[in-house]
């Protein structure tokens, strides 16, 4: 898996997705499973503090990520941008790279859902600063790709 708490949270939510619901709408099923983990305080247990998903008016318009994660500010600190997650295809990766420096997301994550047998010989798309998580629908398991 991964030692990174944010990536662990994303992988755990993906791995909890139910095949029947994920086949109909993977984004909604991912959100549902994230909320279940949130209700169980997994982000806090992982050391992320209180995490929520909300929009960001400073995020570039156009190709926007599916989910924008924020850490709630504590002890008088402001809320912080944490991660942008997109169920991605190759063109989405370029937009994801822009989210890290401005408006300042620590993570840019592209989730690619599919069968390992369908990965092209050259591999999955990649972009500097974007972590790709492959969700293998045959094994029903997610893994972070280097």
N, C-alpha and C. Protein backbone atom coordinates (compact mmCIF):
# COMPACT_ATOMS: atom_id res chain seq x y z
N UNK A 1 0.85 -1.18 0.00
CA UNK A 1 0.00 0.00 0.00
C UNK A 1 0.89 1.23 0.00
N UNK A 2 0.64 2.17 0.93
CA UNK A 2 1.41 3.40 1.00
C UNK A 2 1.49 3.85 2.46
N UNK A 3 2.55 4.56 2.79
CA UNK A 3 2.70 5.11 4.13
C UNK A 3 2.12 6.52 4.23
N UNK A 4 1.69 7.06 3.13
CA UNK A 4 1.15 8.42 3.10
C UNK A 4 -0.30 8.41 3.57
N UNK A 5 -0.65 9.20 4.59
CA UNK A 5 -2.02 9.14 5.13
C UNK A 5 -3.11 9.55 4.14
N UNK A 6 -2.86 10.57 3.32
CA UNK A 6 -3.90 10.99 2.38
C UNK A 6 -4.13 9.92 1.31
N UNK A 7 -3.06 9.38 0.77
CA UNK A 7 -3.20 8.34 -0.25
C UNK A 7 -3.84 7.08 0.36
N UNK A 8 -3.52 6.78 1.60
CA UNK A 8 -4.15 5.65 2.29
C UNK A 8 -5.65 5.86 2.38
N UNK A 9 -6.08 7.07 2.72
CA UNK A 9 -7.50 7.39 2.81
C UNK A 9 -8.19 7.16 1.47
N UNK A 10 -7.59 7.62 0.40
CA UNK A 10 -8.18 7.47 -0.93
C UNK A 10 -8.26 5.99 -1.31
N UNK A 11 -7.18 5.24 -1.10
CA UNK A 11 -7.16 3.81 -1.43
C UNK A 11 -8.19 3.06 -0.61
N UNK A 12 -8.30 3.37 0.67
CA UNK A 12 -9.28 2.68 1.52
C UNK A 12 -10.71 2.93 1.03
N UNK A 13 -11.02 4.16 0.67
CA UNK A 13 -12.36 4.45 0.16
C UNK A 13 -12.63 3.71 -1.15
N UNK A 14 -11.63 3.66 -2.01
CA UNK A 14 -11.79 2.93 -3.28
C UNK A 14 -12.02 1.44 -3.03
N UNK A 15 -11.24 0.87 -2.13
CA UNK A 15 -11.34 -0.57 -1.87
C UNK A 15 -12.65 -0.97 -1.21
N UNK A 16 -13.35 -0.02 -0.61
CA UNK A 16 -14.65 -0.32 0.01
C UNK A 16 -15.81 -0.22 -0.96
N UNK A 17 -15.56 0.31 -2.15
CA UNK A 17 -16.65 0.50 -3.11
C UNK A 17 -17.33 -0.84 -3.43
N UNK A 18 -18.63 -0.80 -3.53
CA UNK A 18 -19.41 -1.98 -3.88
C UNK A 18 -19.49 -2.07 -5.41
N UNK A 19 -19.18 -3.23 -5.99
CA UNK A 19 -19.16 -3.34 -7.45
C UNK A 19 -20.46 -2.91 -8.13
N UNK A 20 -21.58 -3.26 -7.57
CA UNK A 20 -22.85 -2.92 -8.22
C UNK A 20 -23.06 -1.41 -8.31
N UNK A 21 -22.74 -0.72 -7.22
CA UNK A 21 -22.94 0.73 -7.21
C UNK A 21 -21.83 1.44 -7.98
N UNK A 22 -20.61 0.94 -7.86
CA UNK A 22 -19.48 1.56 -8.55
C UNK A 22 -19.64 1.46 -10.07
N UNK A 23 -20.23 0.35 -10.54
CA UNK A 23 -20.44 0.19 -11.98
C UNK A 23 -21.38 1.26 -12.50
N UNK A 24 -22.36 1.65 -11.69
CA UNK A 24 -23.33 2.66 -12.11
C UNK A 24 -22.74 4.07 -12.04
N UNK A 25 -21.98 4.35 -10.97
CA UNK A 25 -21.43 5.69 -10.78
C UNK A 25 -20.28 5.62 -9.78
N UNK A 26 -19.07 5.42 -10.27
CA UNK A 26 -17.90 5.24 -9.40
C UNK A 26 -17.66 6.47 -8.54
N UNK A 27 -17.90 7.67 -9.05
CA UNK A 27 -17.66 8.88 -8.27
C UNK A 27 -18.58 8.96 -7.06
N UNK A 28 -19.86 8.69 -7.27
CA UNK A 28 -20.81 8.74 -6.16
C UNK A 28 -20.51 7.66 -5.14
N UNK A 29 -20.16 6.47 -5.60
CA UNK A 29 -19.85 5.38 -4.68
C UNK A 29 -18.57 5.69 -3.91
N UNK A 30 -17.58 6.28 -4.55
CA UNK A 30 -16.36 6.69 -3.84
C UNK A 30 -16.71 7.70 -2.75
N UNK A 31 -17.53 8.70 -3.09
CA UNK A 31 -17.92 9.71 -2.10
C UNK A 31 -18.64 9.05 -0.92
N UNK A 32 -19.53 8.13 -1.22
CA UNK A 32 -20.27 7.43 -0.16
C UNK A 32 -19.29 6.70 0.77
N UNK A 33 -18.32 6.01 0.21
CA UNK A 33 -17.37 5.27 1.03
C UNK A 33 -16.43 6.21 1.79
N UNK A 34 -16.04 7.33 1.18
CA UNK A 34 -15.26 8.32 1.90
C UNK A 34 -16.04 8.82 3.11
N UNK A 35 -17.30 9.11 2.92
CA UNK A 35 -18.13 9.60 4.03
C UNK A 35 -18.22 8.57 5.15
N UNK A 36 -18.30 7.30 4.80
CA UNK A 36 -18.32 6.24 5.83
C UNK A 36 -17.01 6.27 6.63
N UNK A 37 -15.89 6.42 5.93
CA UNK A 37 -14.60 6.48 6.62
C UNK A 37 -14.49 7.76 7.45
N UNK A 38 -15.04 8.84 6.93
CA UNK A 38 -15.04 10.12 7.64
C UNK A 38 -15.85 9.98 8.92
N UNK A 39 -17.01 9.33 8.85
CA UNK A 39 -17.85 9.11 10.04
C UNK A 39 -17.16 8.25 11.08
N UNK A 40 -16.26 7.40 10.64
CA UNK A 40 -15.48 6.54 11.56
C UNK A 40 -14.19 7.22 12.00
N UNK A 41 -14.01 8.48 11.63
CA UNK A 41 -12.86 9.30 12.01
C UNK A 41 -11.54 8.77 11.47
N UNK A 42 -11.56 8.05 10.34
CA UNK A 42 -10.31 7.55 9.78
C UNK A 42 -9.32 8.67 9.43
N UNK A 43 -9.77 9.80 8.84
CA UNK A 43 -8.78 10.85 8.55
C UNK A 43 -8.06 11.32 9.82
N UNK A 44 -8.77 11.45 10.92
CA UNK A 44 -8.15 11.87 12.18
C UNK A 44 -7.18 10.79 12.66
N UNK A 45 -7.60 9.54 12.58
CA UNK A 45 -6.74 8.43 13.01
C UNK A 45 -5.46 8.36 12.18
N UNK A 46 -5.55 8.73 10.92
CA UNK A 46 -4.38 8.71 10.05
C UNK A 46 -3.46 9.91 10.25
N UNK A 47 -3.92 10.88 11.06
CA UNK A 47 -3.12 12.06 11.32
C UNK A 47 -3.42 13.24 10.41
N UNK A 48 -4.48 13.14 9.63
CA UNK A 48 -4.85 14.22 8.72
C UNK A 48 -5.69 15.30 9.39
N UNK A 49 -6.19 15.03 10.56
CA UNK A 49 -7.11 15.96 11.20
C UNK A 49 -8.49 15.82 10.59
N UNK A 50 -9.28 16.86 10.72
CA UNK A 50 -10.63 16.85 10.17
C UNK A 50 -10.58 17.25 8.70
N UNK A 51 -11.07 16.37 7.85
CA UNK A 51 -11.00 16.54 6.40
C UNK A 51 -12.42 16.61 5.85
N UNK A 52 -12.63 17.48 4.89
CA UNK A 52 -13.92 17.53 4.22
C UNK A 52 -13.74 17.80 2.74
N UNK A 53 -14.81 17.58 2.01
CA UNK A 53 -14.81 17.85 0.57
C UNK A 53 -15.68 19.07 0.35
N UNK A 54 -15.12 20.06 -0.34
CA UNK A 54 -15.89 21.26 -0.68
C UNK A 54 -15.31 21.91 -1.92
N UNK A 55 -16.07 22.80 -2.51
CA UNK A 55 -15.63 23.50 -3.71
C UNK A 55 -14.56 24.52 -3.34
N UNK A 56 -13.88 25.01 -4.33
CA UNK A 56 -12.84 26.02 -4.14
C UNK A 56 -12.99 27.07 -5.23
N UNK A 57 -13.43 28.28 -4.88
CA UNK A 57 -13.59 29.31 -5.90
C UNK A 57 -12.27 29.68 -6.58
N UNK A 58 -11.13 29.39 -5.95
CA UNK A 58 -9.83 29.73 -6.54
C UNK A 58 -9.35 28.66 -7.53
N UNK A 59 -10.01 27.50 -7.55
CA UNK A 59 -9.59 26.44 -8.48
C UNK A 59 -9.89 26.88 -9.91
N UNK A 60 -9.01 26.55 -10.83
CA UNK A 60 -9.22 26.97 -12.22
C UNK A 60 -10.53 26.43 -12.79
N UNK A 61 -11.16 27.21 -13.59
CA UNK A 61 -12.40 26.78 -14.26
C UNK A 61 -12.05 25.83 -15.39
N UNK A 62 -13.04 25.22 -15.94
CA UNK A 62 -12.78 24.27 -17.02
C UNK A 62 -12.73 22.87 -16.47
N UNK A 63 -11.71 22.12 -16.82
CA UNK A 63 -11.57 20.75 -16.36
C UNK A 63 -11.22 20.76 -14.88
N UNK A 64 -12.23 20.59 -14.04
CA UNK A 64 -12.04 20.62 -12.60
C UNK A 64 -12.01 19.20 -12.05
N UNK A 65 -11.27 19.00 -10.97
CA UNK A 65 -11.25 17.66 -10.37
C UNK A 65 -12.62 17.32 -9.80
N UNK A 66 -12.84 16.04 -9.59
CA UNK A 66 -14.12 15.59 -9.05
C UNK A 66 -14.28 15.94 -7.57
N UNK A 67 -13.17 15.90 -6.83
CA UNK A 67 -13.23 16.14 -5.39
C UNK A 67 -12.08 17.03 -4.96
N UNK A 68 -12.40 18.04 -4.16
CA UNK A 68 -11.39 18.92 -3.58
C UNK A 68 -11.44 18.72 -2.06
N UNK A 69 -10.37 18.20 -1.51
CA UNK A 69 -10.28 17.90 -0.08
C UNK A 69 -9.63 19.07 0.65
N UNK A 70 -10.16 19.38 1.81
CA UNK A 70 -9.64 20.44 2.67
C UNK A 70 -9.41 19.89 4.07
N UNK A 71 -8.41 20.42 4.76
CA UNK A 71 -8.22 20.16 6.18
C UNK A 71 -8.80 21.35 6.93
N UNK A 72 -9.65 21.06 7.90
CA UNK A 72 -10.21 22.13 8.71
C UNK A 72 -9.14 22.73 9.61
N UNK A 73 -9.12 24.04 9.68
CA UNK A 73 -8.16 24.72 10.54
C UNK A 73 -8.48 24.47 12.01
N UNK A 74 -7.45 24.32 12.80
CA UNK A 74 -7.64 24.11 14.23
C UNK A 74 -6.80 25.13 14.98
N UNK A 75 -7.22 25.45 16.19
CA UNK A 75 -6.50 26.38 17.06
C UNK A 75 -6.30 27.73 16.38
N UNK A 76 -7.34 28.23 15.74
CA UNK A 76 -7.29 29.53 15.10
C UNK A 76 -6.66 29.56 13.72
N UNK A 77 -6.18 28.43 13.23
CA UNK A 77 -5.58 28.37 11.91
C UNK A 77 -6.67 28.34 10.83
N UNK A 78 -6.41 28.88 9.65
CA UNK A 78 -7.40 28.81 8.57
C UNK A 78 -7.46 27.39 7.99
N UNK A 79 -8.56 27.10 7.30
CA UNK A 79 -8.67 25.84 6.57
C UNK A 79 -7.58 25.80 5.51
N UNK A 80 -7.09 24.58 5.20
CA UNK A 80 -6.02 24.43 4.20
C UNK A 80 -6.47 23.50 3.08
N UNK A 81 -6.06 23.83 1.87
CA UNK A 81 -6.27 22.93 0.74
C UNK A 81 -5.40 21.70 0.96
N UNK A 82 -5.96 20.51 0.73
CA UNK A 82 -5.20 19.30 0.95
C UNK A 82 -4.97 18.54 -0.35
N UNK A 83 -6.04 18.13 -1.02
CA UNK A 83 -5.85 17.31 -2.20
C UNK A 83 -6.96 17.46 -3.21
N UNK A 84 -6.60 17.32 -4.46
CA UNK A 84 -7.55 17.31 -5.57
C UNK A 84 -7.54 15.90 -6.14
N UNK A 85 -8.72 15.31 -6.25
CA UNK A 85 -8.84 13.94 -6.74
C UNK A 85 -9.76 13.93 -7.94
N UNK A 86 -9.30 13.30 -9.00
CA UNK A 86 -10.10 13.21 -10.21
C UNK A 86 -10.10 11.78 -10.72
N UNK A 87 -11.26 11.31 -11.09
CA UNK A 87 -11.36 10.04 -11.80
C UNK A 87 -11.01 10.41 -13.23
N UNK A 88 -9.81 10.02 -13.66
CA UNK A 88 -9.14 10.71 -14.75
C UNK A 88 -9.02 9.92 -16.03
N UNK A 89 -8.80 10.68 -17.06
CA UNK A 89 -8.34 10.18 -18.34
C UNK A 89 -7.11 11.03 -18.68
N UNK A 90 -6.41 10.71 -19.70
CA UNK A 90 -5.15 11.40 -20.02
C UNK A 90 -5.28 12.92 -20.06
N UNK A 91 -6.29 13.52 -20.70
CA UNK A 91 -6.33 14.98 -20.75
C UNK A 91 -6.51 15.63 -19.39
N UNK A 92 -7.10 14.92 -18.42
CA UNK A 92 -7.31 15.49 -17.10
C UNK A 92 -6.00 15.73 -16.35
N UNK A 93 -4.96 14.99 -16.67
CA UNK A 93 -3.72 15.08 -15.91
C UNK A 93 -3.06 16.44 -16.04
N UNK A 94 -3.14 17.05 -17.19
CA UNK A 94 -2.54 18.38 -17.36
C UNK A 94 -3.20 19.39 -16.44
N UNK A 95 -4.52 19.33 -16.32
CA UNK A 95 -5.24 20.23 -15.42
C UNK A 95 -4.88 19.95 -13.97
N UNK A 96 -4.66 18.69 -13.64
CA UNK A 96 -4.32 18.33 -12.26
C UNK A 96 -2.96 18.90 -11.85
N UNK A 97 -2.01 18.96 -12.78
CA UNK A 97 -0.68 19.47 -12.43
C UNK A 97 -0.75 20.94 -12.01
N UNK A 98 -1.69 21.68 -12.55
CA UNK A 98 -1.80 23.11 -12.22
C UNK A 98 -2.38 23.36 -10.84
N UNK A 99 -3.03 22.38 -10.23
CA UNK A 99 -3.67 22.59 -8.94
C UNK A 99 -2.68 22.59 -7.77
N UNK A 100 -1.53 22.01 -7.96
CA UNK A 100 -0.59 21.95 -6.85
C UNK A 100 0.04 23.30 -6.54
N UNK A 101 0.61 24.00 -7.53
CA UNK A 101 1.23 25.27 -7.18
C UNK A 101 0.21 26.39 -6.95
N UNK A 102 -0.86 26.39 -7.70
CA UNK A 102 -1.86 27.47 -7.58
C UNK A 102 -3.23 26.88 -7.91
N UNK A 103 -4.07 26.73 -6.96
CA UNK A 103 -4.16 27.42 -5.69
C UNK A 103 -3.44 26.78 -4.51
N UNK A 104 -2.71 25.70 -4.68
CA UNK A 104 -1.87 25.19 -3.62
C UNK A 104 -2.35 23.93 -2.94
N UNK A 105 -2.74 22.94 -3.71
CA UNK A 105 -3.10 21.64 -3.13
C UNK A 105 -1.85 20.81 -2.95
N UNK A 106 -1.73 20.18 -1.78
CA UNK A 106 -0.57 19.34 -1.49
C UNK A 106 -0.55 18.11 -2.38
N UNK A 107 -1.75 17.59 -2.70
CA UNK A 107 -1.85 16.37 -3.50
C UNK A 107 -2.69 16.62 -4.74
N UNK A 108 -2.27 16.03 -5.83
CA UNK A 108 -3.08 15.93 -7.04
C UNK A 108 -3.11 14.44 -7.37
N UNK A 109 -4.30 13.85 -7.33
CA UNK A 109 -4.44 12.41 -7.48
C UNK A 109 -5.39 12.10 -8.63
N UNK A 110 -4.94 11.27 -9.55
CA UNK A 110 -5.77 10.80 -10.65
C UNK A 110 -6.09 9.33 -10.39
N UNK A 111 -7.38 9.02 -10.31
CA UNK A 111 -7.83 7.64 -10.13
C UNK A 111 -8.22 7.11 -11.49
N UNK A 112 -7.57 6.05 -11.91
CA UNK A 112 -7.87 5.40 -13.18
C UNK A 112 -8.53 4.07 -12.85
N UNK A 113 -9.76 3.89 -13.34
CA UNK A 113 -10.52 2.67 -13.08
C UNK A 113 -10.53 1.82 -14.34
N UNK A 114 -10.21 0.54 -14.20
CA UNK A 114 -10.23 -0.33 -15.36
C UNK A 114 -9.66 -1.71 -15.05
N UNK A 115 -9.41 -2.45 -16.10
CA UNK A 115 -8.84 -3.79 -15.98
C UNK A 115 -7.36 -3.72 -16.29
N UNK A 116 -6.57 -4.44 -15.50
CA UNK A 116 -5.12 -4.45 -15.72
C UNK A 116 -4.79 -4.93 -17.13
N UNK A 117 -5.60 -5.85 -17.65
CA UNK A 117 -5.35 -6.38 -19.00
C UNK A 117 -5.52 -5.32 -20.07
N UNK A 118 -6.24 -4.24 -19.77
CA UNK A 118 -6.49 -3.19 -20.74
C UNK A 118 -5.48 -2.04 -20.68
N UNK A 119 -4.53 -2.12 -19.76
CA UNK A 119 -3.51 -1.07 -19.69
C UNK A 119 -2.63 -1.18 -20.93
N UNK A 120 -2.43 -0.09 -21.64
CA UNK A 120 -1.60 -0.16 -22.85
C UNK A 120 -0.16 -0.54 -22.50
N UNK A 121 0.58 -1.07 -23.48
CA UNK A 121 1.97 -1.49 -23.23
C UNK A 121 2.84 -0.36 -22.67
N UNK A 122 2.56 0.87 -23.07
CA UNK A 122 3.36 2.00 -22.57
C UNK A 122 2.97 2.41 -21.16
N UNK A 123 1.95 1.77 -20.59
CA UNK A 123 1.52 2.06 -19.23
C UNK A 123 0.44 3.13 -19.17
N UNK A 124 0.07 3.47 -17.96
CA UNK A 124 -0.95 4.50 -17.75
C UNK A 124 -0.34 5.88 -17.94
N UNK A 125 -1.16 6.86 -18.25
CA UNK A 125 -0.64 8.22 -18.39
C UNK A 125 -0.02 8.70 -17.08
N UNK A 126 0.94 9.57 -17.18
CA UNK A 126 1.60 10.13 -16.01
C UNK A 126 1.85 11.60 -16.24
N UNK A 127 1.98 12.34 -15.15
CA UNK A 127 2.30 13.76 -15.22
C UNK A 127 3.05 14.13 -13.95
N UNK A 128 4.00 15.03 -14.08
CA UNK A 128 4.77 15.48 -12.91
C UNK A 128 3.84 16.02 -11.83
N UNK A 129 4.06 15.55 -10.62
CA UNK A 129 3.29 16.06 -9.49
C UNK A 129 1.92 15.44 -9.32
N UNK A 130 1.54 14.50 -10.18
CA UNK A 130 0.23 13.85 -10.07
C UNK A 130 0.47 12.39 -9.69
N UNK A 131 -0.16 11.97 -8.61
CA UNK A 131 -0.10 10.57 -8.19
C UNK A 131 -1.22 9.83 -8.89
N UNK A 132 -0.90 8.73 -9.53
CA UNK A 132 -1.91 7.91 -10.21
C UNK A 132 -2.22 6.71 -9.33
N UNK A 133 -3.50 6.52 -9.05
CA UNK A 133 -3.98 5.35 -8.35
C UNK A 133 -4.79 4.54 -9.35
N UNK A 134 -4.38 3.30 -9.55
CA UNK A 134 -5.09 2.42 -10.48
C UNK A 134 -6.02 1.54 -9.68
N UNK A 135 -7.30 1.57 -10.05
CA UNK A 135 -8.29 0.69 -9.42
C UNK A 135 -8.61 -0.42 -10.41
N UNK A 136 -8.13 -1.61 -10.10
CA UNK A 136 -8.28 -2.79 -10.95
C UNK A 136 -9.64 -3.43 -10.69
N UNK A 137 -10.51 -3.37 -11.68
CA UNK A 137 -11.86 -3.90 -11.50
C UNK A 137 -11.91 -5.42 -11.52
N UNK A 138 -10.87 -6.08 -12.01
CA UNK A 138 -10.82 -7.55 -11.96
C UNK A 138 -10.47 -8.02 -10.55
N UNK A 139 -9.52 -7.37 -9.93
CA UNK A 139 -9.10 -7.74 -8.57
C UNK A 139 -9.88 -6.98 -7.51
N UNK A 140 -10.60 -5.96 -7.91
CA UNK A 140 -11.35 -5.04 -7.05
C UNK A 140 -10.43 -4.51 -5.94
N UNK A 141 -9.34 -3.93 -6.41
CA UNK A 141 -8.35 -3.39 -5.49
C UNK A 141 -7.64 -2.22 -6.12
N UNK A 142 -7.30 -1.24 -5.28
CA UNK A 142 -6.59 -0.04 -5.73
C UNK A 142 -5.14 -0.13 -5.31
N UNK A 143 -4.27 0.47 -6.15
CA UNK A 143 -2.85 0.54 -5.79
C UNK A 143 -2.28 1.84 -6.33
N UNK A 144 -1.39 2.40 -5.55
CA UNK A 144 -0.71 3.62 -5.95
C UNK A 144 0.42 3.25 -6.88
N UNK A 145 0.47 3.90 -8.03
CA UNK A 145 1.54 3.64 -9.00
C UNK A 145 2.67 4.64 -8.78
N UNK A 146 3.87 4.18 -8.95
CA UNK A 146 5.03 5.07 -8.75
C UNK A 146 5.15 6.05 -9.88
